[in-house]
């Protein structure tokens, strides 16, 4: 421990010389039950895949049907969102 005096002696522009990993998992989905988490990750992956396909179609000028839960593309021409 540095203490108050040690902290005040430090240069305010200094930064750590080493890197420490903070997390092993990205906290996008948390669940106590392992299978509930796996299922949620699979649903998330299916949404991302469907969104990517629809976005590529829309960028190519084709009519695109985006998955339910897409809010960013709402109201743009040629975009239909599943219900």
Protein backbone atom coordinates (compact mmCIF):
# COMPACT_ATOMS: atom_id res chain seq x y z
CA UNK A 1 0.00 0.00 0.00
CA UNK A 2 1.30 3.41 -0.90
CA UNK A 3 -0.63 5.46 1.55
CA UNK A 4 -1.73 9.02 0.99
CA UNK A 5 1.78 10.47 0.75
CA UNK A 6 2.89 7.80 -1.74
CA UNK A 7 -0.11 8.42 -3.95
CA UNK A 8 0.54 12.17 -3.94
CA UNK A 9 4.18 11.60 -4.97
CA UNK A 10 3.10 9.77 -8.12
CA UNK A 11 3.06 11.59 -11.44
CA UNK A 12 -0.55 12.15 -12.49
CA UNK A 13 0.33 11.23 -16.09
CA UNK A 14 1.84 7.84 -15.20
CA UNK A 15 0.16 4.58 -16.13
CA UNK A 16 0.73 0.92 -15.26
CA UNK A 17 3.59 -0.92 -16.98
CA UNK A 18 1.81 -4.29 -16.96
CA UNK A 19 -1.53 -5.50 -18.24
CA UNK A 20 -3.90 -7.60 -16.14
CA UNK A 21 -6.85 -9.46 -17.68
CA UNK A 22 -10.08 -8.30 -16.08
CA UNK A 23 -12.66 -10.83 -17.25
CA UNK A 24 -12.75 -14.16 -18.98
CA UNK A 25 -16.35 -13.91 -20.17
CA UNK A 26 -18.12 -10.99 -21.78
CA UNK A 27 -21.06 -10.20 -19.52
CA UNK A 28 -23.66 -9.96 -22.28
CA UNK A 29 -25.71 -12.82 -20.86
CA UNK A 30 -25.71 -13.90 -17.25
CA UNK A 31 -27.62 -16.83 -15.82
CA UNK A 32 -27.21 -19.11 -12.85
CA UNK A 33 -28.37 -22.10 -14.87
CA UNK A 34 -25.78 -23.17 -17.44
CA UNK A 35 -28.38 -24.43 -19.93
CA UNK A 36 -30.42 -21.24 -19.71
CA UNK A 37 -27.26 -19.31 -20.56
CA UNK A 38 -26.43 -21.62 -23.48
CA UNK A 39 -29.98 -21.23 -24.82
CA UNK A 40 -29.81 -17.44 -24.52
CA UNK A 41 -26.45 -17.40 -26.33
CA UNK A 42 -27.93 -19.52 -29.13
CA UNK A 43 -30.90 -17.15 -29.47
CA UNK A 44 -28.53 -14.19 -29.57
CA UNK A 45 -26.40 -15.86 -32.25
CA UNK A 46 -29.50 -16.66 -34.36
CA UNK A 47 -30.62 -13.02 -34.09
CA UNK A 48 -27.19 -11.76 -35.16
CA UNK A 49 -27.08 -14.14 -38.13
CA UNK A 50 -30.58 -13.16 -39.30
CA UNK A 51 -29.79 -9.47 -38.85
CA UNK A 52 -26.56 -9.79 -40.86
CA UNK A 53 -28.35 -11.53 -43.75
CA UNK A 54 -31.11 -8.91 -43.80
CA UNK A 55 -28.62 -6.04 -43.63
CA UNK A 56 -26.62 -7.41 -46.57
CA UNK A 57 -29.83 -7.77 -48.59
CA UNK A 58 -30.89 -4.23 -47.73
CA UNK A 59 -27.47 -2.81 -48.63
CA UNK A 60 -27.69 -4.62 -51.98
CA UNK A 61 -30.97 -2.81 -52.69
CA UNK A 62 -33.19 -5.84 -52.16
CA UNK A 63 -36.22 -5.88 -49.85
CA UNK A 64 -35.13 -7.09 -46.42
CA UNK A 65 -37.01 -8.62 -43.51
CA UNK A 66 -35.18 -7.88 -40.27
CA UNK A 67 -35.71 -10.06 -37.17
CA UNK A 68 -38.02 -8.97 -34.38
CA UNK A 69 -36.18 -6.75 -31.93
CA UNK A 70 -34.49 -4.62 -34.59
CA UNK A 71 -35.08 -0.98 -33.72
CA UNK A 72 -32.27 0.85 -35.47
CA UNK A 73 -33.56 0.14 -38.98
CA UNK A 74 -37.20 0.95 -38.23
CA UNK A 75 -38.65 3.53 -40.60
CA UNK A 76 -36.01 3.20 -43.30
CA UNK A 77 -37.20 2.59 -46.86
CA UNK A 78 -37.32 -1.06 -47.95
CA UNK A 79 -37.14 -2.39 -44.40
CA UNK A 80 -39.71 -4.76 -42.91
CA UNK A 81 -39.39 -5.97 -39.32
CA UNK A 82 -40.84 -9.33 -38.28
CA UNK A 83 -43.41 -9.29 -35.55
